[in-house]
Amino acid sequence: MQKLLFGVLVFVSSVACAQDYKPFTVNLAAGFASPTEKAANNDISKAGFVYSIEPQYRLINNFSVGLRFEQAFVQRPEFIDKVIVFQTKTKSLMSAVVTANYELTTMGKYHPYAGLGVGLYHAEESTQLDTRFGITTSYPLPATNVLGGLARIGVKLGSVNLEGTYNLVSDTQVTINATRLTLAAKNSYFAVKVGFTIGSRISRKKVNAF
């Protein structure tokens, strides 16, 4: 009987703890993004607006998985052999990334967290023209879906969160046989966002055993 009562108490306690959070949430966030690669000319690489939508599913009290959809309006630099730099023709970088997020603590007002992710990043096409000695060569960077990843740290206060994310994304590049030169676009970027979670934490419910 004592074992049965103990089992019931453990079950009720676990259910009460599970009620601290709704399992399925959606985070909406927006902020500022900047290319990690900088050009000497500030007009070449520029920061811009970024927004994201991330459905998440909480597996346990402090660990969740998600799928982040993001669009970053950054002006990436494009280099020919890291010497000649061009202003990109692309307007944004888009991504769909599977994430894993861990809250360092679930107690108190503030909930610091960290996360990792991996997925696909879409870069639009960008064609550059290089003129030397009266000869113009076209470097057509194709639209590509490249593999990338992210690392994030942030803090939650109720339904609101502040987050910094580093997106490590493969370069887009094209080599022209006639010149044996390569045009490469640097796709990695850093973002700072403020978010709001729909269906977030609900109040803790106390359970009286007797």
Protein backbone atom coordinates (compact mmCIF):
# COMPACT_ATOMS: atom_id res chain seq x y z
CA MET A 1 0.00 0.00 0.00
CA GLN A 2 2.84 2.36 0.87
CA LYS A 3 4.53 1.56 -2.44
CA LEU A 4 1.28 2.22 -4.30
CA LEU A 5 0.78 5.54 -2.50
CA PHE A 6 4.38 6.51 -3.20
CA GLY A 7 3.88 5.66 -6.88
CA VAL A 8 0.73 7.75 -7.03
CA LEU A 9 2.50 10.71 -5.38
CA VAL A 10 5.39 10.46 -7.84
CA PHE A 11 2.96 10.31 -10.77
CA VAL A 12 0.93 13.27 -9.54
CA SER A 13 4.12 15.28 -8.92
CA SER A 14 5.41 14.53 -12.41
CA VAL A 15 2.09 15.56 -13.95
CA ALA A 16 2.12 18.78 -11.93
CA CYS A 17 5.64 19.57 -13.13
CA ALA A 18 4.62 18.81 -16.71
CA GLN A 19 1.85 21.37 -16.37
CA ASP A 20 4.49 24.07 -15.97
CA TYR A 21 4.77 24.12 -19.74
CA LYS A 22 2.56 23.51 -22.70
CA PRO A 23 4.32 20.97 -24.94
CA PHE A 24 3.76 22.75 -28.27
CA THR A 25 4.70 26.42 -28.73
CA VAL A 26 5.49 28.84 -31.57
CA ASN A 27 8.14 31.53 -31.25
CA LEU A 28 7.86 34.68 -33.39
CA ALA A 29 10.98 36.86 -33.44
CA ALA A 30 12.48 39.83 -35.27
CA GLY A 31 15.62 41.91 -35.01
CA PHE A 32 18.96 42.77 -36.55
CA ALA A 33 21.32 40.62 -38.69
CA SER A 34 24.82 41.32 -39.92
CA PRO A 35 27.26 39.41 -42.17
CA THR A 36 30.16 37.94 -40.21
CA GLU A 37 32.54 38.70 -43.10
CA LYS A 38 33.26 42.40 -43.45
CA ALA A 39 34.59 44.28 -46.48
CA ALA A 40 36.88 47.30 -46.26
CA ASN A 41 34.17 49.36 -47.94
CA ASN A 42 31.23 49.65 -45.55
CA ASP A 43 28.85 50.09 -48.50
CA ILE A 44 29.54 46.50 -49.60
CA SER A 45 28.51 44.49 -46.52
CA LYS A 46 25.55 45.81 -44.55
CA ALA A 47 23.34 44.67 -41.71
CA GLY A 48 19.58 44.44 -42.07
CA PHE A 49 16.27 43.17 -40.75
CA VAL A 50 15.70 39.54 -39.79
CA TYR A 51 12.56 37.67 -38.76
CA SER A 52 11.82 34.05 -37.87
CA ILE A 53 9.00 31.65 -37.03
CA GLU A 54 9.89 28.59 -34.96
CA PRO A 55 7.42 25.89 -33.89
CA GLN A 56 8.85 24.02 -30.90
CA TYR A 57 7.91 20.86 -29.03
CA ARG A 58 8.99 20.46 -25.42
CA LEU A 59 10.17 16.89 -24.79
CA ILE A 60 10.93 17.47 -21.10
CA ASN A 61 10.70 20.44 -18.77
CA ASN A 62 13.88 22.15 -19.96
CA PHE A 63 14.56 20.60 -23.39
CA SER A 64 12.73 21.21 -26.66
CA VAL A 65 13.19 20.61 -30.38
CA GLY A 66 12.02 22.94 -33.11
CA LEU A 67 12.04 23.93 -36.77
CA ARG A 68 13.16 27.51 -37.37
CA PHE A 69 12.16 29.30 -40.58
CA GLU A 70 14.11 32.54 -41.02
CA GLN A 71 14.73 35.29 -43.57
CA ALA A 72 17.66 37.68 -43.11
CA PHE A 73 17.90 40.80 -45.28
CA VAL A 74 21.68 41.13 -45.15
CA GLN A 75 24.03 42.49 -47.79
CA ARG A 76 26.77 39.87 -47.94
CA PRO A 77 30.21 40.59 -49.44
CA GLU A 78 31.33 38.78 -52.60
CA PHE A 79 35.04 38.43 -53.38
CA ILE A 80 37.16 37.41 -56.37
CA ASP A 81 40.04 35.49 -54.78
CA LYS A 82 39.58 37.56 -51.60
CA VAL A 83 40.90 40.69 -53.34
CA ILE A 84 38.18 42.32 -55.45
CA VAL A 85 34.90 42.85 -53.62
CA PHE A 86 31.44 43.33 -55.10
CA GLN A 87 28.07 44.42 -53.79
CA THR A 88 25.75 41.42 -53.79
CA LYS A 89 22.67 41.22 -55.98
CA THR A 90 20.85 39.00 -53.46
CA LYS A 91 18.21 40.54 -51.23
CA SER A 92 18.12 37.96 -48.44
CA LEU A 93 19.14 34.58 -47.07
CA MET A 94 16.38 32.12 -46.12
CA SER A 95 16.68 29.00 -44.01
CA ALA A 96 14.87 26.01 -42.51
CA VAL A 97 16.83 24.64 -39.55
CA VAL A 98 16.09 21.84 -37.08
CA THR A 99 16.94 23.08 -33.58
CA ALA A 100 17.60 21.62 -30.13
CA ASN A 101 17.15 24.03 -27.21
CA TYR A 102 18.12 23.59 -23.57
CA GLU A 103 17.01 25.85 -20.71
CA LEU A 104 19.75 26.08 -18.09
CA THR A 105 17.14 26.59 -15.38
CA THR A 106 13.35 26.47 -15.22
CA MET A 107 13.09 28.15 -11.82
CA GLY A 108 12.80 31.88 -11.10
CA LYS A 109 11.87 34.77 -13.39
CA TYR A 110 14.71 34.53 -15.90
CA HIS A 111 15.40 31.39 -17.92
CA PRO A 112 18.76 31.43 -19.75
CA TYR A 113 19.01 28.94 -22.60
CA ALA A 114 21.35 27.67 -25.30
CA GLY A 115 20.76 25.79 -28.52
CA LEU A 116 22.20 24.23 -31.65
CA GLY A 117 20.73 23.57 -35.08
CA VAL A 118 21.43 22.24 -38.56
CA GLY A 119 19.56 22.69 -41.82
CA LEU A 120 19.38 24.25 -45.28
CA TYR A 121 20.09 27.88 -46.16
CA HIS A 122 18.86 29.30 -49.47
CA ALA A 123 20.93 31.96 -51.23
CA GLU A 124 19.59 33.79 -54.29
CA GLU A 125 21.61 34.12 -57.50
CA SER A 126 24.02 37.00 -57.99
CA THR A 127 25.93 37.73 -61.22
CA GLN A 128 28.99 40.02 -61.12
CA LEU A 129 30.92 41.61 -64.01
CA ASP A 130 34.68 42.08 -63.73
CA THR A 131 36.39 44.29 -66.33
CA ARG A 132 40.17 44.15 -66.76
CA PHE A 133 42.32 45.28 -69.69
CA GLY A 134 39.18 46.04 -71.68
CA ILE A 135 37.79 42.53 -71.22
CA THR A 136 34.61 41.94 -69.20
CA THR A 137 34.10 38.57 -67.53
CA SER A 138 30.79 37.45 -66.08
CA TYR A 139 30.74 35.53 -62.78
CA PRO A 140 27.24 34.02 -62.37
CA LEU A 141 26.77 32.89 -58.78
CA PRO A 142 23.89 30.39 -58.88
CA ALA A 143 20.98 30.23 -56.48
CA THR A 144 21.92 27.49 -54.05
CA ASN A 145 20.67 25.49 -51.08
CA VAL A 146 23.66 24.99 -48.83
CA LEU A 147 24.09 23.15 -45.55
CA GLY A 148 24.59 25.26 -42.46
CA GLY A 149 24.21 25.33 -38.73
CA LEU A 150 23.52 27.67 -35.83
CA ALA A 151 24.54 28.23 -32.24
CA ARG A 152 22.37 30.39 -30.00
CA ILE A 153 22.26 31.78 -26.49
CA GLY A 154 19.43 33.75 -24.95
CA VAL A 155 17.24 34.45 -21.98
CA LYS A 156 13.47 34.12 -21.46
CA LEU A 157 11.23 36.24 -19.26
CA GLY A 158 7.75 34.78 -19.37
CA SER A 159 6.65 34.74 -23.01
CA VAL A 160 9.38 37.16 -24.17
CA ASN A 161 12.94 36.20 -25.10
CA LEU A 162 16.14 37.93 -26.19
CA GLU A 163 18.54 35.88 -28.30
CA GLY A 164 21.85 36.06 -30.11
CA THR A 165 22.46 33.55 -32.93
CA TYR A 166 25.49 32.74 -35.04
CA ASN A 167 24.62 31.15 -38.40
CA LEU A 168 27.56 29.28 -39.94
CA VAL A 169 26.69 28.85 -43.63
CA SER A 170 28.74 27.42 -46.50
CA ASP A 171 29.98 29.87 -49.14
CA THR A 172 28.42 30.14 -52.58
CA GLN A 173 31.07 30.22 -55.30
CA VAL A 174 31.76 29.93 -59.00
CA THR A 175 35.07 29.48 -60.87
CA ILE A 176 35.57 30.71 -64.44
CA ASN A 177 37.90 28.51 -66.49
CA ALA A 178 39.03 31.35 -68.78
CA THR A 179 40.41 33.42 -65.91
CA ARG A 180 40.93 30.63 -63.35
CA LEU A 181 39.49 32.99 -60.76
CA THR A 182 36.76 32.25 -58.22
CA LEU A 183 33.95 34.50 -57.06
CA ALA A 184 32.82 33.54 -53.55
CA ALA A 185 29.90 34.90 -51.51
CA LYS A 186 30.19 34.79 -47.73
CA ASN A 187 26.83 33.60 -46.39
CA SER A 188 27.46 33.36 -42.64
CA TYR A 189 25.75 35.95 -40.44
CA PHE A 190 25.03 36.92 -36.85
CA ALA A 191 21.60 37.94 -35.56
CA VAL A 192 20.13 39.50 -32.43
CA LYS A 193 16.35 39.09 -32.06
CA VAL A 194 13.53 39.75 -29.64
CA GLY A 195 10.84 37.09 -29.66
CA PHE A 196 7.42 36.27 -28.30
CA THR A 197 6.26 32.71 -27.63
CA ILE A 198 2.65 31.71 -28.23
CA GLY A 199 1.48 28.90 -25.95
CA SER A 200 4.35 29.40 -23.53
CA ARG A 201 4.72 28.61 -19.87
CA ILE A 202 1.62 28.50 -17.71
CA SER A 203 1.51 28.97 -13.96
CA ARG A 204 2.75 26.24 -11.66
CA LYS A 205 -0.02 24.24 -10.01
CA LYS A 206 0.44 23.09 -6.45
CA VAL A 207 -0.62 19.57 -5.62
CA ASN A 208 -1.77 18.71 -2.13
CA ALA A 209 -1.27 15.07 -1.35
CA PHE A 210 -3.70 15.09 1.54
